PDB file of all heavy atoms in Angstrom:
ATOM      1  N   GLY A   1       1.962 -29.423  -7.294  1.00  0.00           N
ATOM      2  CA  GLY A   1       1.859 -28.448  -6.283  1.00  0.00           C
ATOM      3  C   GLY A   1       2.876 -27.351  -6.387  1.00  0.00           C
ATOM      4  O   GLY A   1       3.743 -27.425  -7.330  1.00  0.00           O
ATOM      5  N   THR A   2       2.822 -26.320  -5.496  1.00  0.00           N
ATOM      6  CA  THR A   2       3.791 -25.297  -5.571  1.00  0.00           C
ATOM      7  C   THR A   2       4.598 -25.112  -4.221  1.00  0.00           C
ATOM      8  O   THR A   2       4.021 -25.295  -3.192  1.00  0.00           O
ATOM      9  CB  THR A   2       3.017 -23.870  -5.737  1.00  0.00           C
ATOM     10  OG1 THR A   2       2.259 -24.068  -7.030  1.00  0.00           O
ATOM     11  CG2 THR A   2       3.987 -22.747  -5.955  1.00  0.00           C
ATOM     12  N   LEU A   3       5.803 -25.054  -4.302  1.00  0.00           N
ATOM     13  CA  LEU A   3       6.662 -24.781  -3.193  1.00  0.00           C
ATOM     14  C   LEU A   3       6.547 -23.420  -2.649  1.00  0.00           C
ATOM     15  O   LEU A   3       6.594 -22.407  -3.411  1.00  0.00           O
ATOM     16  CB  LEU A   3       8.139 -25.097  -3.586  1.00  0.00           C
ATOM     17  CG  LEU A   3       8.584 -26.571  -3.608  1.00  0.00           C
ATOM     18  CD1 LEU A   3       9.837 -26.727  -4.429  1.00  0.00           C
ATOM     19  CD2 LEU A   3       8.842 -27.054  -2.192  1.00  0.00           C
ATOM     20  N   ASN A   4       6.363 -23.366  -1.344  1.00  0.00           N
ATOM     21  CA  ASN A   4       6.316 -22.011  -0.688  1.00  0.00           C
ATOM     22  C   ASN A   4       6.954 -22.021   0.619  1.00  0.00           C
ATOM     23  O   ASN A   4       7.192 -23.098   1.186  1.00  0.00           O
ATOM     24  CB  ASN A   4       4.695 -21.760  -0.379  1.00  0.00           C
ATOM     25  CG  ASN A   4       3.844 -21.467  -1.611  1.00  0.00           C
ATOM     26  OD1 ASN A   4       4.266 -20.719  -2.512  1.00  0.00           O
ATOM     27  ND2 ASN A   4       2.802 -22.233  -1.782  1.00  0.00           N
ATOM     28  N   PRO A   5       7.514 -20.852   1.023  1.00  0.00           N
ATOM     29  CA  PRO A   5       8.156 -20.729   2.342  1.00  0.00           C
ATOM     30  C   PRO A   5       7.008 -21.177   3.489  1.00  0.00           C
ATOM     31  O   PRO A   5       5.789 -20.972   3.329  1.00  0.00           O
ATOM     32  CB  PRO A   5       8.419 -19.255   2.533  1.00  0.00           C
ATOM     33  CG  PRO A   5       8.488 -18.801   1.159  1.00  0.00           C
ATOM     34  CD  PRO A   5       7.545 -19.570   0.346  1.00  0.00           C
ATOM     35  N   LEU A   6       7.577 -21.825   4.465  1.00  0.00           N
ATOM     36  CA  LEU A   6       6.705 -22.208   5.563  1.00  0.00           C
ATOM     37  C   LEU A   6       6.014 -21.076   6.091  1.00  0.00           C
ATOM     38  O   LEU A   6       4.879 -21.085   6.563  1.00  0.00           O
ATOM     39  CB  LEU A   6       7.548 -23.082   6.581  1.00  0.00           C
ATOM     40  CG  LEU A   6       6.682 -23.913   7.617  1.00  0.00           C
ATOM     41  CD1 LEU A   6       5.854 -24.873   6.792  1.00  0.00           C
ATOM     42  CD2 LEU A   6       7.576 -24.581   8.633  1.00  0.00           C
ATOM     43  N   ILE A   7       6.847 -19.937   6.515  1.00  0.00           N
ATOM     44  CA  ILE A   7       6.341 -18.671   6.988  1.00  0.00           C
ATOM     45  C   ILE A   7       6.706 -17.560   6.075  1.00  0.00           C
ATOM     46  O   ILE A   7       7.872 -17.364   5.880  1.00  0.00           O
ATOM     47  CB  ILE A   7       6.791 -18.447   8.346  1.00  0.00           C
ATOM     48  CG1 ILE A   7       6.289 -19.633   9.280  1.00  0.00           C
ATOM     49  CG2 ILE A   7       6.177 -17.115   8.851  1.00  0.00           C
ATOM     50  CD1 ILE A   7       6.780 -19.462  10.787  1.00  0.00           C
ATOM     51  N   LEU A   8       5.675 -16.917   5.454  1.00  0.00           N
ATOM     52  CA  LEU A   8       5.906 -15.814   4.604  1.00  0.00           C
ATOM     53  C   LEU A   8       5.325 -14.568   5.095  1.00  0.00           C
ATOM     54  O   LEU A   8       4.049 -14.506   5.329  1.00  0.00           O
ATOM     55  CB  LEU A   8       5.394 -16.043   3.050  1.00  0.00           C
ATOM     56  CG  LEU A   8       5.703 -14.989   2.045  1.00  0.00           C
ATOM     57  CD1 LEU A   8       7.151 -14.816   1.836  1.00  0.00           C
ATOM     58  CD2 LEU A   8       4.863 -15.297   0.812  1.00  0.00           C
ATOM     59  N   VAL A   9       6.157 -13.545   5.484  1.00  0.00           N
ATOM     60  CA  VAL A   9       5.667 -12.321   6.050  1.00  0.00           C
ATOM     61  C   VAL A   9       5.562 -11.142   5.144  1.00  0.00           C
ATOM     62  O   VAL A   9       6.509 -10.905   4.414  1.00  0.00           O
ATOM     63  CB  VAL A   9       6.580 -11.970   7.314  1.00  0.00           C
ATOM     64  CG1 VAL A   9       6.146 -10.672   7.960  1.00  0.00           C
ATOM     65  CG2 VAL A   9       6.705 -13.043   8.295  1.00  0.00           C
ATOM     66  N   ASN A  10       4.373 -10.543   5.004  1.00  0.00           N
ATOM     67  CA  ASN A  10       4.166  -9.379   4.172  1.00  0.00           C
ATOM     68  C   ASN A  10       4.339  -8.239   5.065  1.00  0.00           C
ATOM     69  O   ASN A  10       3.564  -7.949   5.998  1.00  0.00           O
ATOM     70  CB  ASN A  10       2.746  -9.487   3.631  1.00  0.00           C
ATOM     71  CG  ASN A  10       2.641 -10.529   2.557  1.00  0.00           C
ATOM     72  OD1 ASN A  10       3.419 -10.978   1.811  1.00  0.00           O
ATOM     73  ND2 ASN A  10       1.492 -11.169   2.632  1.00  0.00           N
ATOM     74  N   VAL A  11       5.445  -7.409   4.699  1.00  0.00           N
ATOM     75  CA  VAL A  11       5.684  -6.241   5.448  1.00  0.00           C
ATOM     76  C   VAL A  11       5.091  -5.019   4.774  1.00  0.00           C
ATOM     77  O   VAL A  11       5.231  -4.781   3.560  1.00  0.00           O
ATOM     78  CB  VAL A  11       7.231  -5.951   5.579  1.00  0.00           C
ATOM     79  CG1 VAL A  11       7.451  -4.733   6.329  1.00  0.00           C
ATOM     80  CG2 VAL A  11       7.868  -7.272   6.250  1.00  0.00           C
ATOM     81  N   GLY A  12       4.208  -4.327   5.599  1.00  0.00           N
ATOM     82  CA  GLY A  12       3.436  -3.129   5.064  1.00  0.00           C
ATOM     83  C   GLY A  12       3.840  -1.871   5.733  1.00  0.00           C
ATOM     84  O   GLY A  12       4.837  -1.770   6.439  1.00  0.00           O
ATOM     85  N   THR A  13       2.921  -0.899   5.628  1.00  0.00           N
ATOM     86  CA  THR A  13       3.217   0.403   6.301  1.00  0.00           C
ATOM     87  C   THR A  13       1.900   0.852   6.936  1.00  0.00           C
ATOM     88  O   THR A  13       0.787   0.604   6.441  1.00  0.00           O
ATOM     89  CB  THR A  13       3.698   1.534   5.322  1.00  0.00           C
ATOM     90  OG1 THR A  13       3.848   2.693   5.964  1.00  0.00           O
ATOM     91  CG2 THR A  13       2.789   1.680   4.163  1.00  0.00           C
ATOM     92  N   GLN A  14       2.000   1.425   8.076  1.00  0.00           N
ATOM     93  CA  GLN A  14       0.876   2.027   8.788  1.00  0.00           C
ATOM     94  C   GLN A  14       0.712   3.493   8.545  1.00  0.00           C
ATOM     95  O   GLN A  14      -0.271   4.149   9.029  1.00  0.00           O
ATOM     96  CB  GLN A  14       1.040   1.795  10.244  1.00  0.00           C
ATOM     97  CG  GLN A  14       1.010   0.335  10.644  1.00  0.00           C
ATOM     98  CD  GLN A  14       0.747  -0.002  12.137  1.00  0.00           C
ATOM     99  OE1 GLN A  14      -0.003   0.739  12.729  1.00  0.00           O
ATOM    100  NE2 GLN A  14       1.703  -0.828  12.672  1.00  0.00           N
ATOM    101  N   VAL A  15       1.636   4.186   7.788  1.00  0.00           N
ATOM    102  CA  VAL A  15       1.582   5.644   7.485  1.00  0.00           C
ATOM    103  C   VAL A  15       1.773   5.744   5.984  1.00  0.00           C
ATOM    104  O   VAL A  15       2.350   4.966   5.387  1.00  0.00           O
ATOM    105  CB  VAL A  15       2.607   6.452   8.320  1.00  0.00           C
ATOM    106  CG1 VAL A  15       2.224   6.391   9.796  1.00  0.00           C
ATOM    107  CG2 VAL A  15       3.987   5.979   8.032  1.00  0.00           C
ATOM    108  N   SER A  16       1.240   6.899   5.498  1.00  0.00           N
ATOM    109  CA  SER A  16       1.475   7.192   4.085  1.00  0.00           C
ATOM    110  C   SER A  16       2.776   8.097   3.991  1.00  0.00           C
ATOM    111  O   SER A  16       3.105   8.888   4.833  1.00  0.00           O
ATOM    112  CB  SER A  16       0.423   7.975   3.488  1.00  0.00           C
ATOM    113  OG  SER A  16      -0.908   7.122   3.622  1.00  0.00           O
ATOM    114  N   GLY A  17       3.310   8.022   2.623  1.00  0.00           N
ATOM    115  CA  GLY A  17       4.558   8.801   2.550  1.00  0.00           C
ATOM    116  C   GLY A  17       5.261   8.383   1.306  1.00  0.00           C
ATOM    117  O   GLY A  17       4.837   7.414   0.599  1.00  0.00           O
ATOM    118  N   THR A  18       6.370   9.042   1.047  1.00  0.00           N
ATOM    119  CA  THR A  18       7.166   8.692  -0.147  1.00  0.00           C
ATOM    120  C   THR A  18       8.433   7.981   0.317  1.00  0.00           C
ATOM    121  O   THR A  18       9.054   8.330   1.316  1.00  0.00           O
ATOM    122  CB  THR A  18       7.595  10.037  -0.923  1.00  0.00           C
ATOM    123  OG1 THR A  18       6.472  10.699  -1.318  1.00  0.00           O
ATOM    124  CG2 THR A  18       8.476   9.721  -2.174  1.00  0.00           C
ATOM    125  N   VAL A  19       8.808   6.976  -0.413  1.00  0.00           N
ATOM    126  CA  VAL A  19      10.010   6.147  -0.050  1.00  0.00           C
ATOM    127  C   VAL A  19      11.255   6.941  -0.297  1.00  0.00           C
ATOM    128  O   VAL A  19      11.595   7.375  -1.402  1.00  0.00           O
ATOM    129  CB  VAL A  19      10.032   4.913  -0.850  1.00  0.00           C
ATOM    130  CG1 VAL A  19      11.314   4.133  -0.529  1.00  0.00           C
ATOM    131  CG2 VAL A  19       8.794   3.975  -0.704  1.00  0.00           C
ATOM    132  N   ARG A  20      11.971   7.251   0.812  1.00  0.00           N
ATOM    133  CA  ARG A  20      13.046   8.124   0.721  1.00  0.00           C
ATOM    134  C   ARG A  20      14.414   7.342   0.737  1.00  0.00           C
ATOM    135  O   ARG A  20      15.306   7.622   0.046  1.00  0.00           O
ATOM    136  CB  ARG A  20      13.199   9.061   1.955  1.00  0.00           C
ATOM    137  CG  ARG A  20      14.238  10.061   1.879  1.00  0.00           C
ATOM    138  CD  ARG A  20      14.172  11.141   3.042  1.00  0.00           C
ATOM    139  NE  ARG A  20      14.561  10.390   4.238  1.00  0.00           N
ATOM    140  CZ  ARG A  20      14.606  11.086   5.427  1.00  0.00           C
ATOM    141  NH1 ARG A  20      14.518  12.434   5.466  1.00  0.00           N
ATOM    142  NH2 ARG A  20      15.025  10.413   6.551  1.00  0.00           N
ATOM    143  N   LYS A  21      14.445   6.159   1.459  1.00  0.00           N
ATOM    144  CA  LYS A  21      15.540   5.246   1.507  1.00  0.00           C
ATOM    145  C   LYS A  21      15.236   3.867   1.475  1.00  0.00           C
ATOM    146  O   LYS A  21      14.172   3.515   2.029  1.00  0.00           O
ATOM    147  CB  LYS A  21      16.363   5.584   2.770  1.00  0.00           C
ATOM    148  CG  LYS A  21      17.101   6.966   2.883  1.00  0.00           C
ATOM    149  CD  LYS A  21      17.869   7.147   4.220  1.00  0.00           C
ATOM    150  CE  LYS A  21      18.470   8.508   4.302  1.00  0.00           C
ATOM    151  NZ  LYS A  21      19.186   8.585   5.644  1.00  0.00           N
ATOM    152  N   LEU A  22      15.941   3.037   0.698  1.00  0.00           N
ATOM    153  CA  LEU A  22      15.816   1.597   0.676  1.00  0.00           C
ATOM    154  C   LEU A  22      17.114   0.978   1.212  1.00  0.00           C
ATOM    155  O   LEU A  22      18.265   1.147   0.749  1.00  0.00           O
ATOM    156  CB  LEU A  22      15.532   1.128  -0.756  1.00  0.00           C
ATOM    157  CG  LEU A  22      14.122   1.083  -1.215  1.00  0.00           C
ATOM    158  CD1 LEU A  22      14.030   0.747  -2.675  1.00  0.00           C
ATOM    159  CD2 LEU A  22      13.318   0.140  -0.449  1.00  0.00           C
ATOM    160  N   TYR A  23      16.877   0.117   2.215  1.00  0.00           N
ATOM    161  CA  TYR A  23      18.180  -0.496   2.830  1.00  0.00           C
ATOM    162  C   TYR A  23      18.376  -1.876   2.330  1.00  0.00           C
ATOM    163  O   TYR A  23      19.442  -2.537   2.682  1.00  0.00           O
ATOM    164  CB  TYR A  23      18.039  -0.518   4.320  1.00  0.00           C
ATOM    165  CG  TYR A  23      17.953   0.941   4.918  1.00  0.00           C
ATOM    166  CD1 TYR A  23      16.714   1.412   5.531  1.00  0.00           C
ATOM    167  CD2 TYR A  23      19.038   1.760   4.871  1.00  0.00           C
ATOM    168  CE1 TYR A  23      16.555   2.668   5.983  1.00  0.00           C
ATOM    169  CE2 TYR A  23      18.880   3.070   5.321  1.00  0.00           C
ATOM    170  CZ  TYR A  23      17.743   3.480   5.942  1.00  0.00           C
ATOM    171  OH  TYR A  23      17.679   4.802   6.544  1.00  0.00           O
ATOM    172  N   VAL A  24      17.317  -2.529   1.768  1.00  0.00           N
ATOM    173  CA  VAL A  24      17.506  -3.951   1.378  1.00  0.00           C
ATOM    174  C   VAL A  24      17.083  -4.199  -0.039  1.00  0.00           C
ATOM    175  O   VAL A  24      16.393  -3.325  -0.605  1.00  0.00           O
ATOM    176  CB  VAL A  24      16.668  -4.899   2.374  1.00  0.00           C
ATOM    177  CG1 VAL A  24      17.157  -4.862   3.846  1.00  0.00           C
ATOM    178  CG2 VAL A  24      15.238  -4.615   2.258  1.00  0.00           C
ATOM    179  N   ASP A  25      17.423  -5.384  -0.551  1.00  0.00           N
ATOM    180  CA  ASP A  25      17.041  -5.805  -1.924  1.00  0.00           C
ATOM    181  C   ASP A  25      16.690  -7.217  -1.935  1.00  0.00           C
ATOM    182  O   ASP A  25      16.800  -7.908  -0.921  1.00  0.00           O
ATOM    183  CB  ASP A  25      18.232  -5.406  -2.927  1.00  0.00           C
ATOM    184  CG  ASP A  25      17.691  -5.302  -4.386  1.00  0.00           C
ATOM    185  OD1 ASP A  25      16.525  -5.494  -4.487  1.00  0.00           O
ATOM    186  OD2 ASP A  25      18.467  -4.805  -5.163  1.00  0.00           O
ATOM    187  N   PHE A  26      16.360  -7.742  -3.061  1.00  0.00           N
ATOM    188  CA  PHE A  26      16.062  -9.145  -3.255  1.00  0.00           C
ATOM    189  C   PHE A  26      17.169  -9.998  -2.757  1.00  0.00           C
ATOM    190  O   PHE A  26      18.456  -9.674  -2.861  1.00  0.00           O
ATOM    191  CB  PHE A  26      15.833  -9.516  -4.705  1.00  0.00           C
ATOM    192  CG  PHE A  26      14.566  -8.904  -5.295  1.00  0.00           C
ATOM    193  CD1 PHE A  26      14.561  -7.682  -5.863  1.00  0.00           C
ATOM    194  CD2 PHE A  26      13.310  -9.562  -5.186  1.00  0.00           C
ATOM    195  CE1 PHE A  26      13.477  -7.082  -6.396  1.00  0.00           C
ATOM    196  CE2 PHE A  26      12.235  -8.967  -5.696  1.00  0.00           C
ATOM    197  CZ  PHE A  26      12.268  -7.768  -6.373  1.00  0.00           C
ATOM    198  N   ASN A  27      16.797 -11.159  -2.010  1.00  0.00           N
ATOM    199  CA  ASN A  27      17.718 -12.221  -1.550  1.00  0.00           C
ATOM    200  C   ASN A  27      18.608 -11.675  -0.358  1.00  0.00           C
ATOM    201  O   ASN A  27      19.443 -12.492   0.135  1.00  0.00           O
ATOM    202  CB  ASN A  27      18.610 -12.688  -2.665  1.00  0.00           C
ATOM    203  CG  ASN A  27      17.797 -13.237  -3.856  1.00  0.00           C
ATOM    204  OD1 ASN A  27      16.680 -13.640  -3.719  1.00  0.00           O
ATOM    205  ND2 ASN A  27      18.456 -13.269  -4.927  1.00  0.00           N
TER     206      ASN A  27
END
């Protein structure tokens, strides 16, 4: 089998646009 998080949330967007700022990274 494969290990997965118990709850995995996919964060999306409700509007279109160009990414101007990124505040987080992996981990």
